[in-house]
C-alpha atoms as a PDB file:
ATOM      1  CA  UNK A   1      -0.801 201.402  60.126  1.00  0.00           C
ATOM      2  CA  UNK A   2       2.249 201.745  62.362  1.00  0.00           C
ATOM      3  CA  UNK A   3       3.601 205.081  63.560  1.00  0.00           C
ATOM      4  CA  UNK A   4       6.875 205.560  65.393  1.00  0.00           C
ATOM      5  CA  UNK A   5       6.926 208.846  67.269  1.00  0.00           C
ATOM      6  CA  UNK A   6      10.066 209.916  69.081  1.00  0.00           C
ATOM      7  CA  UNK A   7      10.752 213.127  70.924  1.00  0.00           C
ATOM      8  CA  UNK A   8       9.731 215.164  73.917  1.00  0.00           C
ATOM      9  CA  UNK A   9       6.628 214.129  75.845  1.00  0.00           C
ATOM     10  CA  UNK A  10       4.670 217.206  74.709  1.00  0.00           C
ATOM     11  CA  UNK A  11       5.341 216.367  71.038  1.00  0.00           C
ATOM     12  CA  UNK A  12       4.369 212.731  71.553  1.00  0.00           C
ATOM     13  CA  UNK A  13       1.164 213.722  73.390  1.00  0.00           C
ATOM     14  CA  UNK A  14       0.188 216.069  70.542  1.00  0.00           C
ATOM     15  CA  UNK A  15       0.853 213.426  67.868  1.00  0.00           C
ATOM     16  CA  UNK A  16      -1.147 210.813  69.785  1.00  0.00           C
ATOM     17  CA  UNK A  17      -4.012 213.284  70.191  1.00  0.00           C
ATOM     18  CA  UNK A  18      -3.931 213.958  66.434  1.00  0.00           C
ATOM     19  CA  UNK A  19      -4.025 210.206  65.708  1.00  0.00           C
ATOM     20  CA  UNK A  20      -7.025 209.731  68.006  1.00  0.00           C
ATOM     21  CA  UNK A  21      -8.850 212.476  66.093  1.00  0.00           C
ATOM     22  CA  UNK A  22      -7.734 211.148  62.701  1.00  0.00           C
ATOM     23  CA  UNK A  23      -8.908 207.594  63.315  1.00  0.00           C
ATOM     24  CA  UNK A  24     -11.922 208.614  65.411  1.00  0.00           C
ATOM     25  CA  UNK A  25     -11.601 205.766  67.894  1.00  0.00           C
ATOM     26  CA  UNK A  26     -12.397 205.357  71.555  1.00  0.00           C
ATOM     27  CA  UNK A  27     -10.490 202.077  71.798  1.00  0.00           C
ATOM     28  CA  UNK A  28      -7.133 203.251  73.153  1.00  0.00           C
ATOM     29  CA  UNK A  29      -4.790 200.776  74.810  1.00  0.00           C
ATOM     30  CA  UNK A  30      -1.545 201.886  76.429  1.00  0.00           C
ATOM     31  CA  UNK A  31       1.439 199.697  77.271  1.00  0.00           C
ATOM     32  CA  UNK A  32       4.729 200.474  78.946  1.00  0.00           C
ATOM     33  CA  UNK A  33       7.094 197.925  77.437  1.00  0.00           C
ATOM     34  CA  UNK A  34       9.151 197.852  80.619  1.00  0.00           C
ATOM     35  CA  UNK A  35       6.148 196.284  82.389  1.00  0.00           C
ATOM     36  CA  UNK A  36       4.573 194.379  79.463  1.00  0.00           C
ATOM     37  CA  UNK A  37       5.869 191.543  77.306  1.00  0.00           C
ATOM     38  CA  UNK A  38       5.958 192.389  73.610  1.00  0.00           C
ATOM     39  CA  UNK A  39       4.149 189.110  72.919  1.00  0.00           C
ATOM     40  CA  UNK A  40       1.171 190.456  74.923  1.00  0.00           C
ATOM     41  CA  UNK A  41       1.141 193.560  72.742  1.00  0.00           C
ATOM     42  CA  UNK A  42       1.259 191.438  69.585  1.00  0.00           C
ATOM     43  CA  UNK A  43      -1.637 189.327  70.857  1.00  0.00           C
ATOM     44  CA  UNK A  44      -3.632 192.489  71.443  1.00  0.00           C
ATOM     45  CA  UNK A  45      -2.812 193.709  67.940  1.00  0.00           C
ATOM     46  CA  UNK A  46      -4.020 190.408  66.499  1.00  0.00           C
ATOM     47  CA  UNK A  47      -7.261 190.411  68.532  1.00  0.00           C
ATOM     48  CA  UNK A  48     -10.268 191.754  66.652  1.00  0.00           C
ATOM     49  CA  UNK A  49     -12.681 193.979  68.546  1.00  0.00           C
ATOM     50  CA  UNK A  50     -16.264 192.985  67.725  1.00  0.00           C
ATOM     51  CA  UNK A  51     -17.697 196.414  68.494  1.00  0.00           C
ATOM     52  CA  UNK A  52     -15.070 198.782  67.107  1.00  0.00           C
ATOM     53  CA  UNK A  53     -13.303 198.552  63.786  1.00  0.00           C
ATOM     54  CA  UNK A  54     -10.297 200.587  64.908  1.00  0.00           C
ATOM     55  CA  UNK A  55      -8.093 200.574  67.960  1.00  0.00           C
ATOM     56  CA  UNK A  56      -5.081 202.614  68.883  1.00  0.00           C
ATOM     57  CA  UNK A  57      -2.301 200.807  70.737  1.00  0.00           C
ATOM     58  CA  UNK A  58       0.311 203.055  72.317  1.00  0.00           C
ATOM     59  CA  UNK A  59       3.606 201.579  73.516  1.00  0.00           C
ATOM     60  CA  UNK A  60       6.117 203.539  75.542  1.00  0.00           C
ATOM     61  CA  UNK A  61       9.702 202.696  76.551  1.00  0.00           C
ATOM     62  CA  UNK A  62      10.523 201.146  73.170  1.00  0.00           C
ATOM     63  CA  UNK A  63      14.043 202.570  73.163  1.00  0.00           C
ATOM     64  CA  UNK A  64      14.858 201.106  76.571  1.00  0.00           C
ATOM     65  CA  UNK A  65      13.430 197.684  75.747  1.00  0.00           C
ATOM     66  CA  UNK A  66      14.564 197.315  72.120  1.00  0.00           C
ATOM     67  CA  UNK A  67      17.445 194.875  72.801  1.00  0.00           C
ATOM     68  CA  UNK A  68      15.152 192.577  74.787  1.00  0.00           C
ATOM     69  CA  UNK A  69      12.351 192.839  72.230  1.00  0.00           C
ATOM     70  CA  UNK A  70      14.717 191.807  69.447  1.00  0.00           C
ATOM     71  CA  UNK A  71      15.672 188.675  71.444  1.00  0.00           C
ATOM     72  CA  UNK A  72      12.011 187.641  71.753  1.00  0.00           C
ATOM     73  CA  UNK A  73      11.486 184.418  69.755  1.00  0.00           C
ATOM     74  CA  UNK A  74       7.997 185.443  68.601  1.00  0.00           C
ATOM     75  CA  UNK A  75       9.415 188.628  67.110  1.00  0.00           C
ATOM     76  CA  UNK A  76      12.276 186.812  65.432  1.00  0.00           C
ATOM     77  CA  UNK A  77       9.888 184.255  63.901  1.00  0.00           C
ATOM     78  CA  UNK A  78       7.209 186.722  62.803  1.00  0.00           C
ATOM     79  CA  UNK A  79       7.617 187.595  59.113  1.00  0.00           C
ATOM     80  CA  UNK A  80       4.828 190.190  59.282  1.00  0.00           C
ATOM     81  CA  UNK A  81       6.733 192.406  61.707  1.00  0.00           C
ATOM     82  CA  UNK A  82       9.347 194.736  60.326  1.00  0.00           C
ATOM     83  CA  UNK A  83      11.263 197.006  62.646  1.00  0.00           C
ATOM     84  CA  UNK A  84      13.292 199.913  61.373  1.00  0.00           C
ATOM     85  CA  UNK A  85      15.455 201.824  63.802  1.00  0.00           C
ATOM     86  CA  UNK A  86      16.807 205.138  62.575  1.00  0.00           C
END
């Protein structure tokens, strides 16, 4: 499941908190896309956790890094990734 949450920090924090409760997971990984390659995030998404069946991956700075992300060859070649920008 992929969620795209945009807005003020307080709104984002509330939505993330609600997702943590909804999916009842303690595996929470946070990335700032300014400091992290999108390919590292994708690798983390593809990695299965042997002890937990769910993990929540939170990426910030998507808006700032979107042009660079779209130039990433792994993203361009990955048919399983669909990105919709509204």
